[in-house]
Amino acid sequence: MDIAVIGSNMVDLISYIDKMPKEGETLEAPDFEIGCGGKGANQAVAAAKMGSKVMMVTKVGDDLFADNTIRNLEKYGIDTEFTNKVPNTSSGVAPIFVDPDSKNRILIIKGANKYLLPEDVDRAAEKLKECALIVLQLEVPLETVYRAIEFGNEHGIPVILNPAPATKELDFNYVCKCDFFIPNETELEILTGMPTETEANIKEAANTLIAKGVKDVIVTMGSRGVMWVTKEEVRKIDSFKVDAIDTTGAGDAFIGCFAHYYAKNKDIQQAIKMATAFAALSVKKRGTQSSYPSMEEFEEFLHINV
């Protein structure tokens, strides 16, 4: 097994809107789609589509969405031995609103994701020990995230933490035990309380995390590219210019692809560059996982653009 994703799955309820309604206003929206999502599942699918062997530790409800979520993960070859149902509970859902500029607003209802517990990490221990990398997000209880970080440290397995959705409750004593901390600029602003409007702002905010003891901070900045900050240096990796249709799930696309390349060859610079290209290609289609390119599409994009 190459990668273990310990985290969330969601059912994406995507409304494509002309504008957000005001209080008390009802508007007609032009289109709607249902898709499989959730930050953890998205990242798992992105890594699997690149060719990684991926296992997922997650919880679904016992509703009409549950079996479809499990089938969807298995469709991409993801190991679902530790994807379990929670009785009398809804699956996680994410209403998503995408405007004409391809910008999105997202609500999440965690549902069964709230019941992914530290003991679930320990229950999967034997298979987790076989993995080369652990990937985490924050759509499940923080105690579970902390146990997964500890598990990685105990067994010498590198850990990626994507602090999304960002919360001030995040304990940086655990963040400092991770090998990679990958926020976007909005999450960085929430976590540091510092502005992130400019690249200079982002560099300054990221450096405050380095000063706390965080090892590698990789800030995804959308169309502005990626900033990789360590104690020794700051590197900027430019984005690929594409016509964006829907940016939903692009950050997860980046992390899943980054995880694949890092697990494969431990070359951080190359992993960032490949992940930036994969994320750029993902915004050219609607949806989250459904927008992620196949290996063939990705290689064609690289051939033209790199």
Protein backbone atom coordinates (compact mmCIF):
# COMPACT_ATOMS: atom_id res chain seq x y z
CA MET A 1 0.00 0.00 0.00
CA ASP A 2 1.37 3.43 -0.97
CA ILE A 3 -0.93 5.96 0.75
CA ALA A 4 -3.40 5.91 3.61
CA VAL A 5 -6.03 8.63 3.65
CA ILE A 6 -7.60 8.91 7.10
CA GLY A 7 -10.49 11.32 6.85
CA SER A 8 -13.76 12.38 5.39
CA ASN A 9 -16.13 11.53 2.61
CA MET A 10 -19.10 13.63 1.56
CA VAL A 11 -21.92 13.65 -0.95
CA ASP A 12 -21.57 16.86 -2.97
CA LEU A 13 -24.84 18.64 -3.77
CA ILE A 14 -23.69 21.16 -6.35
CA SER A 15 -25.86 24.12 -7.41
CA TYR A 16 -24.63 26.25 -10.29
CA ILE A 17 -26.01 29.72 -9.61
CA ASP A 18 -26.21 33.10 -11.31
CA LYS A 19 -26.02 34.83 -7.92
CA MET A 20 -26.63 34.07 -4.25
CA PRO A 21 -30.17 34.86 -3.08
CA LYS A 22 -30.72 37.57 -0.49
CA GLU A 23 -32.51 36.83 2.77
CA GLY A 24 -36.09 35.80 2.02
CA GLU A 25 -35.45 35.69 -1.73
CA THR A 26 -36.03 32.67 -3.97
CA LEU A 27 -34.05 32.46 -7.20
CA GLU A 28 -33.96 29.94 -10.00
CA ALA A 29 -30.55 28.33 -10.55
CA PRO A 30 -29.55 27.02 -13.97
CA ASP A 31 -28.12 23.60 -13.03
CA PHE A 32 -27.56 21.00 -10.29
CA GLU A 33 -25.41 17.90 -9.89
CA ILE A 34 -24.82 15.24 -7.24
CA GLY A 35 -21.30 13.90 -6.87
CA CYS A 36 -19.03 11.99 -4.52
CA GLY A 37 -16.75 14.28 -2.55
CA GLY A 38 -15.33 15.08 0.87
CA LYS A 39 -11.76 16.23 1.27
CA GLY A 40 -10.43 12.85 2.32
CA ALA A 41 -12.19 10.90 -0.43
CA ASN A 42 -11.24 13.51 -3.04
CA GLN A 43 -7.57 13.27 -2.10
CA ALA A 44 -7.73 9.48 -2.12
CA VAL A 45 -9.30 9.44 -5.59
CA ALA A 46 -6.75 11.93 -6.97
CA ALA A 47 -3.85 9.79 -5.74
CA ALA A 48 -5.49 6.60 -7.02
CA LYS A 49 -6.08 8.12 -10.47
CA MET A 50 -2.36 8.84 -10.65
CA GLY A 51 -1.64 5.16 -9.98
CA SER A 52 -1.03 4.99 -6.22
CA LYS A 53 -2.35 2.09 -4.17
CA VAL A 54 -4.60 3.84 -1.65
CA MET A 55 -6.51 2.75 1.45
CA MET A 56 -9.20 4.87 3.07
CA VAL A 57 -10.11 4.95 6.75
CA THR A 58 -13.49 6.69 6.93
CA LYS A 59 -17.12 6.38 8.06
CA VAL A 60 -20.36 6.54 6.07
CA GLY A 61 -23.95 6.61 7.32
CA ASP A 62 -26.60 3.97 6.82
CA ASP A 63 -28.59 6.08 4.35
CA LEU A 64 -29.10 5.89 0.60
CA PHE A 65 -25.74 7.60 -0.03
CA ALA A 66 -23.57 5.09 1.86
CA ASP A 67 -23.32 2.17 -0.58
CA ASN A 68 -22.84 4.54 -3.48
CA THR A 69 -19.89 6.17 -1.69
CA ILE A 70 -18.26 2.80 -1.02
CA ARG A 71 -18.82 1.66 -4.62
CA ASN A 72 -17.35 4.92 -5.87
CA LEU A 73 -14.13 4.47 -3.86
CA GLU A 74 -13.81 0.87 -5.03
CA LYS A 75 -14.31 1.97 -8.62
CA TYR A 76 -10.96 3.77 -8.38
CA GLY A 77 -9.28 0.76 -6.78
CA ILE A 78 -9.25 2.23 -3.27
CA ASP A 79 -9.13 -0.28 -0.40
CA THR A 80 -12.34 0.15 1.64
CA GLU A 81 -11.76 -2.50 4.32
CA PHE A 82 -11.85 0.27 6.93
CA THR A 83 -14.70 2.27 5.40
CA ASN A 84 -17.46 1.47 7.87
CA LYS A 85 -21.15 2.32 8.28
CA VAL A 86 -22.52 4.12 11.36
CA PRO A 87 -26.07 2.99 12.28
CA ASN A 88 -28.90 5.53 12.44
CA THR A 89 -26.68 8.28 11.03
CA SER A 90 -26.63 10.27 7.81
CA SER A 91 -23.63 10.30 5.55
CA GLY A 92 -21.74 13.56 5.31
CA VAL A 93 -23.13 16.02 2.75
CA ALA A 94 -21.76 19.20 1.24
CA PRO A 95 -24.10 21.73 -0.40
CA ILE A 96 -21.91 23.65 -2.87
CA PHE A 97 -22.77 26.86 -4.73
CA VAL A 98 -20.75 27.71 -7.83
CA ASP A 99 -21.11 31.19 -9.34
CA PRO A 100 -20.54 32.31 -12.97
CA ASP A 101 -16.90 33.19 -12.15
CA SER A 102 -16.30 29.55 -11.10
CA LYS A 103 -15.87 30.58 -7.46
CA ASN A 104 -17.52 28.38 -4.88
CA ARG A 105 -19.14 28.58 -1.45
CA ILE A 106 -19.44 25.34 0.51
CA LEU A 107 -21.35 24.18 3.58
CA ILE A 108 -20.52 20.83 5.17
CA ILE A 109 -22.68 18.61 7.35
CA LYS A 110 -20.25 16.06 8.80
CA GLY A 111 -22.78 13.30 9.51
CA ALA A 112 -20.98 9.97 9.95
CA ASN A 113 -17.60 11.68 9.64
CA LYS A 114 -18.07 12.85 13.25
CA TYR A 115 -17.83 9.21 14.32
CA LEU A 116 -14.38 8.49 12.86
CA LEU A 117 -12.55 8.01 16.17
CA PRO A 118 -8.95 7.44 17.35
CA GLU A 119 -9.70 3.76 17.89
CA ASP A 120 -10.53 3.47 14.18
CA VAL A 121 -6.92 4.41 13.45
CA ASP A 122 -5.70 1.71 15.83
CA ARG A 123 -8.15 -0.81 14.35
CA ALA A 124 -6.50 -0.31 10.95
CA ALA A 125 -2.97 -0.40 12.41
CA GLU A 126 -1.60 -3.49 10.67
CA LYS A 127 -2.54 -2.26 7.22
CA LEU A 128 -1.52 1.33 8.00
CA LYS A 129 1.98 0.15 8.90
CA GLU A 130 2.41 -0.98 5.29
CA CYS A 131 1.82 2.54 3.92
CA ALA A 132 4.52 4.95 2.78
CA LEU A 133 2.49 8.09 3.55
CA ILE A 134 -0.50 9.20 5.66
CA VAL A 135 -2.78 12.02 4.44
CA LEU A 136 -5.08 13.93 6.83
CA GLN A 137 -7.65 16.76 6.79
CA LEU A 138 -9.94 18.36 9.38
CA GLU A 139 -13.44 17.20 8.45
CA VAL A 140 -13.23 14.53 11.17
CA PRO A 141 -12.65 14.93 14.94
CA LEU A 142 -9.34 16.55 15.87
CA GLU A 143 -8.59 13.75 18.33
CA THR A 144 -8.61 11.30 15.40
CA VAL A 145 -6.27 13.53 13.40
CA TYR A 146 -3.91 13.74 16.38
CA ARG A 147 -3.92 9.95 16.84
CA ALA A 148 -3.12 9.48 13.15
CA ILE A 149 -0.19 11.92 13.44
CA GLU A 150 1.08 10.03 16.48
CA PHE A 151 0.71 6.75 14.61
CA GLY A 152 2.76 8.07 11.71
CA ASN A 153 5.47 9.26 14.06
CA GLU A 154 5.51 5.97 15.97
CA HIS A 155 6.03 3.97 12.78
CA GLY A 156 8.23 6.34 10.79
CA ILE A 157 5.53 7.14 8.23
CA PRO A 158 5.54 10.70 6.78
CA VAL A 159 2.34 12.69 7.40
CA ILE A 160 0.63 15.34 5.26
CA LEU A 161 -1.88 17.56 7.06
CA ASN A 162 -4.31 19.67 5.05
CA PRO A 163 -5.89 22.03 7.64
CA ALA A 164 -9.27 22.22 5.97
CA PRO A 165 -11.65 23.42 7.09
CA ALA A 166 -9.34 25.60 9.17
CA THR A 167 -9.99 25.90 12.90
CA LYS A 168 -8.30 27.94 15.61
CA GLU A 169 -8.61 24.87 17.85
CA LEU A 170 -5.87 23.07 15.90
CA ASP A 171 -3.00 22.19 18.25
CA PHE A 172 0.30 23.20 16.66
CA ASN A 173 2.19 20.79 18.87
CA TYR A 174 0.75 18.13 16.58
CA VAL A 175 1.17 20.19 13.41
CA CYS A 176 4.91 20.35 14.14
CA LYS A 177 4.99 16.54 14.09
CA CYS A 178 3.74 16.50 10.49
CA ASP A 179 6.11 16.42 7.54
CA PHE A 180 3.97 18.69 5.33
CA PHE A 181 1.40 21.31 6.26
CA ILE A 182 -0.64 22.33 3.20
CA PRO A 183 -3.19 25.16 3.69
CA ASN A 184 -4.62 27.47 1.06
CA GLU A 185 -4.25 31.22 1.59
CA THR A 186 -7.66 31.52 3.30
CA GLU A 187 -6.86 28.74 5.76
CA LEU A 188 -3.45 30.30 6.39
CA GLU A 189 -5.15 33.60 7.25
CA ILE A 190 -7.55 31.90 9.69
CA LEU A 191 -4.80 29.93 11.40
CA THR A 192 -2.32 32.80 11.76
CA GLY A 193 -4.69 35.77 12.09
CA MET A 194 -2.54 37.54 9.50
CA PRO A 195 -3.51 38.99 6.11
CA THR A 196 -2.81 36.90 3.00
CA GLU A 197 -3.86 39.26 0.19
CA THR A 198 -0.38 39.52 -1.33
CA GLU A 199 2.46 37.06 -1.83
CA ALA A 200 4.52 39.07 0.64
CA ASN A 201 1.70 38.66 3.20
CA ILE A 202 1.56 34.91 2.54
CA LYS A 203 5.32 34.56 2.95
CA GLU A 204 5.22 36.44 6.26
CA ALA A 205 2.28 34.40 7.58
CA ALA A 206 3.88 31.10 6.54
CA ASN A 207 7.13 32.09 8.21
CA THR A 208 5.32 32.53 11.53
CA LEU A 209 4.38 28.84 11.28
CA ILE A 210 7.99 27.91 10.49
CA ALA A 211 9.03 29.89 13.58
CA LYS A 212 6.63 27.72 15.64
CA GLY A 213 8.44 24.61 14.43
CA VAL A 214 6.36 23.54 11.41
CA LYS A 215 8.69 21.76 8.95
CA ASP A 216 7.39 22.37 5.43
CA VAL A 217 4.55 24.81 4.71
CA ILE A 218 3.10 24.54 1.20
CA VAL A 219 0.50 27.26 0.54
CA THR A 220 -1.79 26.74 -2.43
CA MET A 221 -2.78 30.11 -3.91
CA GLY A 222 -5.15 29.20 -6.75
CA SER A 223 -4.28 30.93 -9.99
CA ARG A 224 -1.25 32.54 -8.31
CA GLY A 225 0.45 29.18 -7.92
CA VAL A 226 2.07 27.66 -4.85
CA MET A 227 4.46 28.98 -2.19
CA TRP A 228 6.74 26.44 -0.51
CA VAL A 229 8.26 27.74 2.70
CA THR A 230 10.91 26.04 4.85
CA LYS A 231 13.34 27.26 7.48
CA GLU A 232 16.01 27.62 4.80
CA GLU A 233 14.17 29.17 1.86
CA VAL A 234 10.98 30.24 0.08
CA ARG A 235 10.14 28.96 -3.40
CA LYS A 236 7.31 30.07 -5.68
CA ILE A 237 5.91 27.60 -8.19
CA ASP A 238 3.77 29.24 -10.87
CA SER A 239 0.34 27.98 -11.79
CA PHE A 240 -0.68 26.71 -15.22
CA LYS A 241 -2.97 29.08 -17.11
CA VAL A 242 -6.30 27.45 -17.93
CA ASP A 243 -9.89 28.55 -18.46
CA ALA A 244 -11.56 27.65 -15.15
CA ILE A 245 -15.11 26.29 -15.16
CA ASP A 246 -15.37 25.01 -11.57
CA THR A 247 -12.65 25.29 -8.90
CA THR A 248 -14.40 22.95 -6.44
CA GLY A 249 -12.01 20.23 -5.25
CA ALA A 250 -8.92 21.74 -6.84
CA GLY A 251 -7.08 21.91 -3.51
CA ASP A 252 -7.83 18.23 -2.89
CA ALA A 253 -6.63 17.41 -6.41
CA PHE A 254 -3.35 19.14 -5.57
CA ILE A 255 -2.86 17.21 -2.32
CA GLY A 256 -3.74 13.81 -3.78
CA CYS A 257 -1.37 14.28 -6.70
CA PHE A 258 1.35 15.69 -4.44
CA ALA A 259 0.99 12.66 -2.17
CA HIS A 260 1.32 10.31 -5.14
CA TYR A 261 4.54 11.87 -6.45
CA TYR A 262 6.09 12.36 -3.03
CA ALA A 263 5.39 8.74 -2.03
CA LYS A 264 6.85 7.68 -5.37
CA ASN A 265 10.18 9.52 -5.37
CA LYS A 266 10.45 11.90 -2.35
CA ASP A 267 11.17 14.84 -4.72
CA ILE A 268 9.19 17.71 -3.16
CA GLN A 269 9.80 20.23 -5.97
CA GLN A 270 8.63 17.80 -8.64
CA ALA A 271 5.66 16.72 -6.54
CA ILE A 272 4.54 20.36 -6.19
CA LYS A 273 4.94 21.01 -9.92
CA MET A 274 2.99 17.89 -10.91
CA ALA A 275 0.28 18.63 -8.35
CA THR A 276 -0.05 22.20 -9.61
CA ALA A 277 -0.61 20.89 -13.14
CA PHE A 278 -3.11 18.26 -11.97
CA ALA A 279 -5.10 20.84 -9.99
CA ALA A 280 -5.12 23.23 -12.96
CA LEU A 281 -6.49 20.55 -15.23
CA SER A 282 -9.20 19.70 -12.67
CA VAL A 283 -10.80 23.17 -12.83
CA LYS A 284 -11.52 22.76 -16.55
CA LYS A 285 -14.47 20.45 -15.74
CA ARG A 286 -17.44 20.61 -13.39
CA GLY A 287 -17.56 18.74 -10.11
CA THR A 288 -14.94 17.41 -7.74
CA GLN A 289 -13.76 13.84 -8.30
CA SER A 290 -15.51 13.77 -11.66
CA SER A 291 -13.29 16.65 -12.79
CA TYR A 292 -10.02 14.89 -12.00
CA PRO A 293 -8.13 13.89 -15.15
CA SER A 294 -7.17 10.37 -16.09
CA MET A 295 -3.48 9.52 -16.31
CA GLU A 296 -3.73 9.76 -20.11
CA GLU A 297 -5.33 13.23 -19.98
CA PHE A 298 -2.75 14.35 -17.45
CA GLU A 299 0.21 13.14 -19.50
CA GLU A 300 -1.19 14.88 -22.60
CA PHE A 301 -1.55 18.13 -20.60
CA LEU A 302 2.04 17.82 -19.36
CA HIS A 303 3.32 17.14 -22.87
CA ILE A 304 1.74 20.38 -24.11
CA ASN A 305 2.42 22.61 -21.09
CA VAL A 306 5.65 21.46 -19.44
